[in-house]
Amino acid sequence: MDINGKWTVYAYNGKATSVTLPAEVGGKPVKVLSEACFSTNKSLLNVTLPADIVVNAGAFRDCTSLLSVNMSNVVPEINDQCFMNCPSLLTVSWPQNLTKIGNQAF
């Protein structure tokens, strides 16, 4: 959805095992993953996030099959409960400029 010239991902219900979010859609930047947008997805194994995206609380909560997350070096923080109850999660690439890891992030 386009808000103020920026895209927000509100929900993903697909069955793909690997997802790479684009940096832009239709010339407008993808800037936000809404709260719980991937939560409870049982198919997702790997995800790659674009630069400078805000990942809201619980975005990947209860993704029990999630194995790895590749975050751009420009993701500033990991919000509360972002990866809560992701027991299969083995690898998260840490952004160089990470300033905050929220409560119960993992």
PDB file of N, CA and C in Angstrom:
ATOM      1  N   MET A   1       0.844  -1.171   0.000  1.00  0.00           N
ATOM      2  CA  MET A   1       0.000   0.000   0.000  1.00  0.00           C
ATOM      3  C   MET A   1       0.888   1.232   0.000  1.00  0.00           C
ATOM      4  N   ASP A   2       0.511   2.207  -0.758  1.00  0.00           N
ATOM      5  CA  ASP A   2       1.264   3.437  -0.906  1.00  0.00           C
ATOM      6  C   ASP A   2       0.729   4.494   0.059  1.00  0.00           C
ATOM      7  N   ILE A   3       1.580   4.935   0.978  1.00  0.00           N
ATOM      8  CA  ILE A   3       1.211   6.005   1.902  1.00  0.00           C
ATOM      9  C   ILE A   3       2.310   7.053   1.855  1.00  0.00           C
ATOM     10  N   ASN A   4       1.944   8.281   1.528  1.00  0.00           N
ATOM     11  CA  ASN A   4       2.903   9.383   1.464  1.00  0.00           C
ATOM     12  C   ASN A   4       4.089   9.066   0.562  1.00  0.00           C
ATOM     13  N   GLY A   5       3.849   8.404  -0.561  1.00  0.00           N
ATOM     14  CA  GLY A   5       4.913   8.104  -1.505  1.00  0.00           C
ATOM     15  C   GLY A   5       5.831   6.985  -1.076  1.00  0.00           C
ATOM     16  N   LYS A   6       5.455   6.235  -0.038  1.00  0.00           N
ATOM     17  CA  LYS A   6       6.254   5.108   0.449  1.00  0.00           C
ATOM     18  C   LYS A   6       5.354   3.889   0.587  1.00  0.00           C
ATOM     19  N   TRP A   7       5.922   2.712   0.398  1.00  0.00           N
ATOM     20  CA  TRP A   7       5.160   1.477   0.511  1.00  0.00           C
ATOM     21  C   TRP A   7       5.302   0.867   1.887  1.00  0.00           C
ATOM     22  N   THR A   8       4.203   0.360   2.400  1.00  0.00           N
ATOM     23  CA  THR A   8       4.176  -0.398   3.643  1.00  0.00           C
ATOM     24  C   THR A   8       3.663  -1.796   3.324  1.00  0.00           C
ATOM     25  N   VAL A   9       4.363  -2.812   3.786  1.00  0.00           N
ATOM     26  CA  VAL A   9       3.911  -4.187   3.617  1.00  0.00           C
ATOM     27  C   VAL A   9       3.065  -4.510   4.841  1.00  0.00           C
ATOM     28  N   TYR A  10       1.783  -4.770   4.623  1.00  0.00           N
ATOM     29  CA  TYR A  10       0.860  -5.030   5.734  1.00  0.00           C
ATOM     30  C   TYR A  10       0.703  -6.506   6.052  1.00  0.00           C
ATOM     31  N   ALA A  11       0.752  -7.357   5.042  1.00  0.00           N
ATOM     32  CA  ALA A  11       0.569  -8.787   5.295  1.00  0.00           C
ATOM     33  C   ALA A  11       1.152  -9.578   4.137  1.00  0.00           C
ATOM     34  N   TYR A  12       1.708 -10.719   4.471  1.00  0.00           N
ATOM     35  CA  TYR A  12       2.191 -11.661   3.468  1.00  0.00           C
ATOM     36  C   TYR A  12       1.630 -13.027   3.826  1.00  0.00           C
ATOM     37  N   ASN A  13       0.858 -13.585   2.919  1.00  0.00           N
ATOM     38  CA  ASN A  13       0.234 -14.882   3.156  1.00  0.00           C
ATOM     39  C   ASN A  13       0.667 -15.918   2.136  1.00  0.00           C
ATOM     40  N   GLY A  14       1.739 -15.610   1.395  1.00  0.00           N
ATOM     41  CA  GLY A  14       2.206 -16.511   0.349  1.00  0.00           C
ATOM     42  C   GLY A  14       2.814 -17.783   0.898  1.00  0.00           C
ATOM     43  N   LYS A  15       3.114 -18.692   0.002  1.00  0.00           N
ATOM     44  CA  LYS A  15       3.678 -19.997   0.368  1.00  0.00           C
ATOM     45  C   LYS A  15       5.151 -20.129  -0.026  1.00  0.00           C
ATOM     46  N   ALA A  16       5.771 -19.059  -0.514  1.00  0.00           N
ATOM     47  CA  ALA A  16       7.178 -19.125  -0.911  1.00  0.00           C
ATOM     48  C   ALA A  16       8.047 -19.421   0.302  1.00  0.00           C
ATOM     49  N   THR A  17       9.123 -20.174   0.069  1.00  0.00           N
ATOM     50  CA  THR A  17      10.030 -20.476   1.171  1.00  0.00           C
ATOM     51  C   THR A  17      11.103 -19.411   1.326  1.00  0.00           C
ATOM     52  N   SER A  18      11.416 -18.689   0.240  1.00  0.00           N
ATOM     53  CA  SER A  18      12.384 -17.594   0.292  1.00  0.00           C
ATOM     54  C   SER A  18      11.738 -16.336  -0.268  1.00  0.00           C
ATOM     55  N   VAL A  19      11.870 -15.244   0.474  1.00  0.00           N
ATOM     56  CA  VAL A  19      11.287 -13.968   0.055  1.00  0.00           C
ATOM     57  C   VAL A  19      12.367 -12.898   0.130  1.00  0.00           C
ATOM     58  N   THR A  20      12.522 -12.152  -0.963  1.00  0.00           N
ATOM     59  CA  THR A  20      13.390 -10.986  -0.986  1.00  0.00           C
ATOM     60  C   THR A  20      12.501  -9.784  -1.249  1.00  0.00           C
ATOM     61  N   LEU A  21      12.398  -8.920  -0.264  1.00  0.00           N
ATOM     62  CA  LEU A  21      11.568  -7.731  -0.434  1.00  0.00           C
ATOM     63  C   LEU A  21      12.296  -6.732  -1.325  1.00  0.00           C
ATOM     64  N   PRO A  22      11.606  -6.148  -2.298  1.00  0.00           N
ATOM     65  CA  PRO A  22      12.257  -5.177  -3.172  1.00  0.00           C
ATOM     66  C   PRO A  22      12.496  -3.855  -2.444  1.00  0.00           C
ATOM     67  N   ALA A  23      13.485  -3.115  -2.903  1.00  0.00           N
ATOM     68  CA  ALA A  23      13.777  -1.802  -2.328  1.00  0.00           C
ATOM     69  C   ALA A  23      12.723  -0.786  -2.734  1.00  0.00           C
ATOM     70  N   GLU A  24      12.107  -1.014  -3.890  1.00  0.00           N
ATOM     71  CA  GLU A  24      11.057  -0.101  -4.341  1.00  0.00           C
ATOM     72  C   GLU A  24      10.064  -0.837  -5.224  1.00  0.00           C
ATOM     73  N   VAL A  25       8.874  -0.263  -5.302  1.00  0.00           N
ATOM     74  CA  VAL A  25       7.813  -0.776  -6.167  1.00  0.00           C
ATOM     75  C   VAL A  25       7.246   0.421  -6.912  1.00  0.00           C
ATOM     76  N   GLY A  26       7.251   0.354  -8.216  1.00  0.00           N
ATOM     77  CA  GLY A  26       6.719   1.451  -9.013  1.00  0.00           C
ATOM     78  C   GLY A  26       7.445   2.772  -8.762  1.00  0.00           C
ATOM     79  N   GLY A  27       8.727   2.700  -8.478  1.00  0.00           N
ATOM     80  CA  GLY A  27       9.519   3.903  -8.234  1.00  0.00           C
ATOM     81  C   GLY A  27       9.376   4.488  -6.844  1.00  0.00           C
ATOM     82  N   LYS A  28       8.584   3.846  -5.988  1.00  0.00           N
ATOM     83  CA  LYS A  28       8.394   4.335  -4.614  1.00  0.00           C
ATOM     84  C   LYS A  28       9.057   3.357  -3.652  1.00  0.00           C
ATOM     85  N   PRO A  29       9.781   3.864  -2.643  1.00  0.00           N
ATOM     86  CA  PRO A  29      10.523   2.973  -1.744  1.00  0.00           C
ATOM     87  C   PRO A  29       9.626   2.153  -0.832  1.00  0.00           C
ATOM     88  N   VAL A  30      10.059   0.915  -0.585  1.00  0.00           N
ATOM     89  CA  VAL A  30       9.418   0.056   0.407  1.00  0.00           C
ATOM     90  C   VAL A  30      10.083   0.393   1.736  1.00  0.00           C
ATOM     91  N   LYS A  31       9.329   0.940   2.697  1.00  0.00           N
ATOM     92  CA  LYS A  31       9.930   1.496   3.902  1.00  0.00           C
ATOM     93  C   LYS A  31       9.483   0.863   5.207  1.00  0.00           C
ATOM     94  N   VAL A  32       8.371   0.119   5.232  1.00  0.00           N
ATOM     95  CA  VAL A  32       7.851  -0.375   6.507  1.00  0.00           C
ATOM     96  C   VAL A  32       7.297  -1.789   6.352  1.00  0.00           C
ATOM     97  N   LEU A  33       7.637  -2.650   7.322  1.00  0.00           N
ATOM     98  CA  LEU A  33       6.933  -3.921   7.508  1.00  0.00           C
ATOM     99  C   LEU A  33       6.024  -3.701   8.698  1.00  0.00           C
ATOM    100  N   SER A  34       4.743  -3.815   8.501  1.00  0.00           N
ATOM    101  CA  SER A  34       3.805  -3.544   9.586  1.00  0.00           C
ATOM    102  C   SER A  34       3.880  -4.626  10.660  1.00  0.00           C
ATOM    103  N   GLU A  35       3.283  -4.318  11.775  1.00  0.00           N
ATOM    104  CA  GLU A  35       3.254  -5.266  12.888  1.00  0.00           C
ATOM    105  C   GLU A  35       2.625  -6.575  12.431  1.00  0.00           C
ATOM    106  N   ALA A  36       3.320  -7.661  12.679  1.00  0.00           N
ATOM    107  CA  ALA A  36       2.841  -9.018  12.413  1.00  0.00           C
ATOM    108  C   ALA A  36       2.607  -9.321  10.933  1.00  0.00           C
ATOM    109  N   CYS A  37       3.269  -8.614  10.023  1.00  0.00           N
ATOM    110  CA  CYS A  37       2.983  -8.817   8.599  1.00  0.00           C
ATOM    111  C   CYS A  37       3.341 -10.211   8.088  1.00  0.00           C
ATOM    112  N   PHE A  38       4.342 -10.864   8.647  1.00  0.00           N
ATOM    113  CA  PHE A  38       4.693 -12.225   8.264  1.00  0.00           C
ATOM    114  C   PHE A  38       4.315 -13.234   9.344  1.00  0.00           C
ATOM    115  N   SER A  39       3.795 -12.779  10.448  1.00  0.00           N
ATOM    116  CA  SER A  39       3.591 -13.661  11.601  1.00  0.00           C
ATOM    117  C   SER A  39       2.727 -14.874  11.253  1.00  0.00           C
ATOM    118  N   THR A  40       3.064 -15.958  11.869  1.00  0.00           N
ATOM    119  CA  THR A  40       2.429 -17.275  11.740  1.00  0.00           C
ATOM    120  C   THR A  40       2.597 -17.923  10.362  1.00  0.00           C
ATOM    121  N   ASN A  41       3.426 -17.359   9.480  1.00  0.00           N
ATOM    122  CA  ASN A  41       3.672 -17.989   8.191  1.00  0.00           C
ATOM    123  C   ASN A  41       4.528 -19.232   8.410  1.00  0.00           C
ATOM    124  N   LYS A  42       4.039 -20.362   8.032  1.00  0.00           N
ATOM    125  CA  LYS A  42       4.727 -21.640   8.277  1.00  0.00           C
ATOM    126  C   LYS A  42       5.595 -22.075   7.103  1.00  0.00           C
ATOM    127  N   SER A  43       5.493 -21.413   5.947  1.00  0.00           N
ATOM    128  CA  SER A  43       6.267 -21.783   4.766  1.00  0.00           C
ATOM    129  C   SER A  43       7.611 -21.063   4.682  1.00  0.00           C
ATOM    130  N   LEU A  44       7.679 -19.875   5.216  1.00  0.00           N
ATOM    131  CA  LEU A  44       8.848 -19.015   5.058  1.00  0.00           C
ATOM    132  C   LEU A  44      10.077 -19.591   5.760  1.00  0.00           C
ATOM    133  N   LEU A  45      11.167 -19.764   4.979  1.00  0.00           N
ATOM    134  CA  LEU A  45      12.434 -20.260   5.515  1.00  0.00           C
ATOM    135  C   LEU A  45      13.500 -19.167   5.553  1.00  0.00           C
ATOM    136  N   ASN A  46      13.548 -18.330   4.514  1.00  0.00           N
ATOM    137  CA  ASN A  46      14.584 -17.311   4.376  1.00  0.00           C
ATOM    138  C   ASN A  46      13.964 -16.000   3.908  1.00  0.00           C
ATOM    139  N   VAL A  47      14.444 -14.906   4.471  1.00  0.00           N
ATOM    140  CA  VAL A  47      13.951 -13.596   4.052  1.00  0.00           C
ATOM    141  C   VAL A  47      15.123 -12.629   3.955  1.00  0.00           C
ATOM    142  N   THR A  48      15.074 -11.764   2.927  1.00  0.00           N
ATOM    143  CA  THR A  48      16.064 -10.712   2.741  1.00  0.00           C
ATOM    144  C   THR A  48      15.314  -9.381   2.716  1.00  0.00           C
ATOM    145  N   LEU A  49      15.760  -8.458   3.560  1.00  0.00           N
ATOM    146  CA  LEU A  49      15.100  -7.159   3.692  1.00  0.00           C
ATOM    147  C   LEU A  49      15.899  -6.076   2.980  1.00  0.00           C
ATOM    148  N   PRO A  50      15.227  -5.095   2.376  1.00  0.00           N
ATOM    149  CA  PRO A  50      15.939  -4.005   1.713  1.00  0.00           C
ATOM    150  C   PRO A  50      16.511  -3.009   2.720  1.00  0.00           C
ATOM    151  N   ALA A  51      17.306  -2.096   2.214  1.00  0.00           N
ATOM    152  CA  ALA A  51      17.934  -1.073   3.055  1.00  0.00           C
ATOM    153  C   ALA A  51      16.906  -0.121   3.634  1.00  0.00           C
ATOM    154  N   ASP A  52      17.204   0.371   4.811  1.00  0.00           N
ATOM    155  CA  ASP A  52      16.453   1.461   5.436  1.00  0.00           C
ATOM    156  C   ASP A  52      14.967   1.162   5.595  1.00  0.00           C
ATOM    157  N   ILE A  53      14.653  -0.038   6.043  1.00  0.00           N
ATOM    158  CA  ILE A  53      13.256  -0.417   6.256  1.00  0.00           C
ATOM    159  C   ILE A  53      12.988  -0.518   7.759  1.00  0.00           C
ATOM    160  N   VAL A  54      11.831  -0.080   8.167  1.00  0.00           N
ATOM    161  CA  VAL A  54      11.408  -0.201   9.563  1.00  0.00           C
ATOM    162  C   VAL A  54      10.658  -1.517   9.697  1.00  0.00           C
ATOM    163  N   VAL A  55      11.122  -2.358  10.620  1.00  0.00           N
ATOM    164  CA  VAL A  55      10.485  -3.654  10.862  1.00  0.00           C
ATOM    165  C   VAL A  55       9.753  -3.543  12.196  1.00  0.00           C
ATOM    166  N   ASN A  56       8.446  -3.453  12.132  1.00  0.00           N
ATOM    167  CA  ASN A  56       7.647  -3.238  13.339  1.00  0.00           C
ATOM    168  C   ASN A  56       7.543  -4.473  14.214  1.00  0.00           C
ATOM    169  N   ALA A  57       7.047  -4.258  15.405  1.00  0.00           N
ATOM    170  CA  ALA A  57       6.944  -5.305  16.433  1.00  0.00           C
ATOM    171  C   ALA A  57       6.238  -6.541  15.895  1.00  0.00           C
ATOM    172  N   GLY A  58       6.807  -7.690  16.209  1.00  0.00           N
ATOM    173  CA  GLY A  58       6.166  -8.960  15.876  1.00  0.00           C
ATOM    174  C   GLY A  58       6.098  -9.283  14.400  1.00  0.00           C
ATOM    175  N   ALA A  59       6.860  -8.617  13.567  1.00  0.00           N
ATOM    176  CA  ALA A  59       6.760  -8.811  12.120  1.00  0.00           C
ATOM    177  C   ALA A  59       6.908 -10.275  11.699  1.00  0.00           C
ATOM    178  N   PHE A  60       7.763 -11.030  12.393  1.00  0.00           N
ATOM    179  CA  PHE A  60       7.993 -12.434  12.053  1.00  0.00           C
ATOM    180  C   PHE A  60       7.610 -13.364  13.202  1.00  0.00           C
ATOM    181  N   ARG A  61       6.878 -12.872  14.152  1.00  0.00           N
ATOM    182  CA  ARG A  61       6.470 -13.664  15.318  1.00  0.00           C
ATOM    183  C   ARG A  61       5.767 -14.954  14.877  1.00  0.00           C
ATOM    184  N   ASP A  62       6.145 -16.057  15.505  1.00  0.00           N
ATOM    185  CA  ASP A  62       5.535 -17.364  15.252  1.00  0.00           C
ATOM    186  C   ASP A  62       5.765 -17.918  13.847  1.00  0.00           C
ATOM    187  N   CYS A  63       6.825 -17.470  13.179  1.00  0.00           N
ATOM    188  CA  CYS A  63       7.232 -18.087  11.908  1.00  0.00           C
ATOM    189  C   CYS A  63       8.122 -19.270  12.281  1.00  0.00           C
ATOM    190  N   THR A  64       7.511 -20.361  12.596  1.00  0.00           N
ATOM    191  CA  THR A  64       8.220 -21.488  13.209  1.00  0.00           C
ATOM    192  C   THR A  64       9.199 -22.191  12.277  1.00  0.00           C
ATOM    193  N   SER A  65       9.108 -21.978  10.972  1.00  0.00           N
ATOM    194  CA  SER A  65      10.034 -22.604  10.029  1.00  0.00           C
ATOM    195  C   SER A  65      11.170 -21.667   9.600  1.00  0.00           C
ATOM    196  N   LEU A  66      11.090 -20.404   9.972  1.00  0.00           N
ATOM    197  CA  LEU A  66      12.079 -19.405   9.540  1.00  0.00           C
ATOM    198  C   LEU A  66      13.481 -19.806   9.990  1.00  0.00           C
ATOM    199  N   LEU A  67      14.417 -19.887   9.013  1.00  0.00           N
ATOM    200  CA  LEU A  67      15.797 -20.291   9.285  1.00  0.00           C
ATOM    201  C   LEU A  67      16.780 -19.121   9.293  1.00  0.00           C
ATOM    202  N   SER A  68      16.608 -18.188   8.348  1.00  0.00           N
ATOM    203  CA  SER A  68      17.586 -17.106   8.241  1.00  0.00           C
ATOM    204  C   SER A  68      16.953 -15.807   7.791  1.00  0.00           C
ATOM    205  N   VAL A  69      17.576 -14.712   8.251  1.00  0.00           N
ATOM    206  CA  VAL A  69      17.143 -13.366   7.893  1.00  0.00           C
ATOM    207  C   VAL A  69      18.385 -12.567   7.514  1.00  0.00           C
ATOM    208  N   ASN A  70      18.347 -11.959   6.353  1.00  0.00           N
ATOM    209  CA  ASN A  70      19.437 -11.107   5.908  1.00  0.00           C
ATOM    210  C   ASN A  70      18.941  -9.670   5.939  1.00  0.00           C
ATOM    211  N   MET A  71      19.426  -8.920   6.912  1.00  0.00           N
ATOM    212  CA  MET A  71      19.036  -7.519   7.051  1.00  0.00           C
ATOM    213  C   MET A  71      20.094  -6.638   6.418  1.00  0.00           C
ATOM    214  N   SER A  72      19.645  -5.626   5.750  1.00  0.00           N
ATOM    215  CA  SER A  72      20.554  -4.646   5.171  1.00  0.00           C
ATOM    216  C   SER A  72      21.333  -3.960   6.283  1.00  0.00           C
ATOM    217  N   ASN A  73      22.455  -3.394   5.922  1.00  0.00           N
ATOM    218  CA  ASN A  73      23.257  -2.648   6.890  1.00  0.00           C
ATOM    219  C   ASN A  73      22.620  -1.327   7.294  1.00  0.00           C
ATOM    220  N   VAL A  74      21.432  -1.037   6.791  1.00  0.00           N
ATOM    221  CA  VAL A  74      20.791   0.228   7.106  1.00  0.00           C
ATOM    222  C   VAL A  74      19.495   0.037   7.903  1.00  0.00           C
ATOM    223  N   VAL A  75      19.256  -1.163   8.419  1.00  0.00           N
ATOM    224  CA  VAL A  75      18.105  -1.397   9.293  1.00  0.00           C
ATOM    225  C   VAL A  75      18.514  -0.950  10.696  1.00  0.00           C
ATOM    226  N   PRO A  76      17.873   0.104  11.243  1.00  0.00           N
ATOM    227  CA  PRO A  76      18.354   0.700  12.491  1.00  0.00           C
ATOM    228  C   PRO A  76      18.025  -0.061  13.771  1.00  0.00           C
ATOM    229  N   GLU A  77      16.952  -0.841  13.783  1.00  0.00           N
ATOM    230  CA  GLU A  77      16.598  -1.533  15.024  1.00  0.00           C
ATOM    231  C   GLU A  77      15.761  -2.777  14.761  1.00  0.00           C
ATOM    232  N   ILE A  78      15.798  -3.680  15.733  1.00  0.00           N
ATOM    233  CA  ILE A  78      14.956  -4.872  15.725  1.00  0.00           C
ATOM    234  C   ILE A  78      13.932  -4.647  16.835  1.00  0.00           C
ATOM    235  N   ASN A  79      12.689  -4.487  16.454  1.00  0.00           N
ATOM    236  CA  ASN A  79      11.648  -4.113  17.411  1.00  0.00           C
ATOM    237  C   ASN A  79      11.164  -5.275  18.270  1.00  0.00           C
ATOM    238  N   ASP A  80      10.366  -4.931  19.274  1.00  0.00           N
ATOM    239  CA  ASP A  80       9.830  -5.899  20.230  1.00  0.00           C
ATOM    240  C   ASP A  80       9.181  -7.087  19.522  1.00  0.00           C
ATOM    241  N   GLN A  81       9.460  -8.267  20.023  1.00  0.00           N
ATOM    242  CA  GLN A  81       8.848  -9.518  19.572  1.00  0.00           C
ATOM    243  C   GLN A  81       9.007  -9.787  18.076  1.00  0.00           C
ATOM    244  N   CYS A  82       9.951  -9.136  17.439  1.00  0.00           N
ATOM    245  CA  CYS A  82      10.128  -9.275  15.995  1.00  0.00           C
ATOM    246  C   CYS A  82      10.275 -10.735  15.579  1.00  0.00           C
ATOM    247  N   PHE A  83      11.121 -11.496  16.273  1.00  0.00           N
ATOM    248  CA  PHE A  83      11.361 -12.903  15.950  1.00  0.00           C
ATOM    249  C   PHE A  83      10.963 -13.816  17.102  1.00  0.00           C
ATOM    250  N   MET A  84      10.011 -13.373  17.888  1.00  0.00           N
ATOM    251  CA  MET A  84       9.552 -14.169  19.023  1.00  0.00           C
ATOM    252  C   MET A  84       8.928 -15.483  18.534  1.00  0.00           C
ATOM    253  N   ASN A  85       9.257 -16.570  19.202  1.00  0.00           N
ATOM    254  CA  ASN A  85       8.750 -17.896  18.874  1.00  0.00           C
ATOM    255  C   ASN A  85       9.083 -18.312  17.435  1.00  0.00           C
ATOM    256  N   CYS A  86      10.355 -18.119  17.086  1.00  0.00           N
ATOM    257  CA  CYS A  86      10.891 -18.605  15.808  1.00  0.00           C
ATOM    258  C   CYS A  86      11.973 -19.629  16.151  1.00  0.00           C
ATOM    259  N   PRO A  87      11.576 -20.824  16.588  1.00  0.00           N
ATOM    260  CA  PRO A  87      12.525 -21.794  17.129  1.00  0.00           C
ATOM    261  C   PRO A  87      13.529 -22.333  16.114  1.00  0.00           C
ATOM    262  N   SER A  88      13.248 -22.215  14.823  1.00  0.00           N
ATOM    263  CA  SER A  88      14.160 -22.725  13.797  1.00  0.00           C
ATOM    264  C   SER A  88      15.187 -21.694  13.354  1.00  0.00           C
ATOM    265  N   LEU A  89      15.050 -20.459  13.806  1.00  0.00           N
ATOM    266  CA  LEU A  89      15.921 -19.373  13.357  1.00  0.00           C
ATOM    267  C   LEU A  89      17.374 -19.656  13.748  1.00  0.00           C
ATOM    268  N   LEU A  90      18.234 -19.765  12.734  1.00  0.00           N
ATOM    269  CA  LEU A  90      19.642 -20.075  12.949  1.00  0.00           C
ATOM    270  C   LEU A  90      20.553 -18.883  12.680  1.00  0.00           C
ATOM    271  N   THR A  91      20.187 -18.051  11.697  1.00  0.00           N
ATOM    272  CA  THR A  91      21.081 -16.985  11.260  1.00  0.00           C
ATOM    273  C   THR A  91      20.323 -15.678  11.069  1.00  0.00           C
ATOM    274  N   VAL A  92      20.873 -14.624  11.659  1.00  0.00           N
ATOM    275  CA  VAL A  92      20.392 -13.262  11.411  1.00  0.00           C
ATOM    276  C   VAL A  92      21.628 -12.428  11.129  1.00  0.00           C
ATOM    277  N   SER A  93      21.696 -11.812   9.939  1.00  0.00           N
ATOM    278  CA  SER A  93      22.831 -10.941   9.653  1.00  0.00           C
ATOM    279  C   SER A  93      22.578  -9.624  10.375  1.00  0.00           C
ATOM    280  N   TRP A  94      23.495  -9.240  11.245  1.00  0.00           N
ATOM    281  CA  TRP A  94      23.324  -8.033  12.062  1.00  0.00           C
ATOM    282  C   TRP A  94      23.709  -6.791  11.284  1.00  0.00           C
ATOM    283  N   PRO A  95      22.841  -5.814  11.224  1.00  0.00           N
ATOM    284  CA  PRO A  95      23.181  -4.554  10.569  1.00  0.00           C
ATOM    285  C   PRO A  95      24.309  -3.841  11.330  1.00  0.00           C
ATOM    286  N   GLN A  96      25.196  -3.202  10.596  1.00  0.00           N
ATOM    287  CA  GLN A  96      26.312  -2.492  11.219  1.00  0.00           C
ATOM    288  C   GLN A  96      25.856  -1.324  12.073  1.00  0.00           C
ATOM    289  N   ASN A  97      24.766  -0.694  11.684  1.00  0.00           N
ATOM    290  CA  ASN A  97      24.300   0.488  12.416  1.00  0.00           C
ATOM    291  C   ASN A  97      23.174   0.169  13.400  1.00  0.00           C
ATOM    292  N   LEU A  98      23.013  -1.082  13.780  1.00  0.00           N
ATOM    293  CA  LEU A  98      21.951  -1.482  14.698  1.00  0.00           C
ATOM    294  C   LEU A  98      22.072  -0.710  16.011  1.00  0.00           C
ATOM    295  N   THR A  99      21.001  -0.028  16.397  1.00  0.00           N
ATOM    296  CA  THR A  99      21.030   0.791  17.607  1.00  0.00           C
ATOM    297  C   THR A  99      20.171   0.223  18.718  1.00  0.00           C
ATOM    298  N   LYS A 100      19.266  -0.719  18.378  1.00  0.00           N
ATOM    299  CA  LYS A 100      18.347  -1.210  19.402  1.00  0.00           C
ATOM    300  C   LYS A 100      17.861  -2.613  19.066  1.00  0.00           C
ATOM    301  N   ILE A 101      17.815  -3.452  20.107  1.00  0.00           N
ATOM    302  CA  ILE A 101      17.131  -4.738  20.026  1.00  0.00           C
ATOM    303  C   ILE A 101      16.030  -4.671  21.065  1.00  0.00           C
ATOM    304  N   GLY A 102      14.779  -4.744  20.628  1.00  0.00           N
ATOM    305  CA  GLY A 102      13.624  -4.564  21.495  1.00  0.00           C
ATOM    306  C   GLY A 102      13.385  -5.727  22.449  1.00  0.00           C
ATOM    307  N   ASN A 103      12.444  -5.531  23.339  1.00  0.00           N
ATOM    308  CA  ASN A 103      12.056  -6.546  24.321  1.00  0.00           C
ATOM    309  C   ASN A 103      11.519  -7.788  23.626  1.00  0.00           C
ATOM    310  N   GLN A 104      11.955  -8.927  24.094  1.00  0.00           N
ATOM    311  CA  GLN A 104      11.520 -10.232  23.582  1.00  0.00           C
ATOM    312  C   GLN A 104      11.654 -10.326  22.064  1.00  0.00           C
ATOM    313  N   ALA A 105      12.679  -9.682  21.505  1.00  0.00           N
ATOM    314  CA  ALA A 105      12.890  -9.685  20.057  1.00  0.00           C
ATOM    315  C   ALA A 105      13.108 -11.090  19.518  1.00  0.00           C
ATOM    316  N   PHE A 106      13.730 -11.949  20.361  1.00  0.00           N
ATOM    317  CA  PHE A 106      14.007 -13.331  19.953  1.00  0.00           C
ATOM    318  C   PHE A 106      13.415 -14.281  20.960  1.00  0.00           C
TER     319      PHE A 106
END
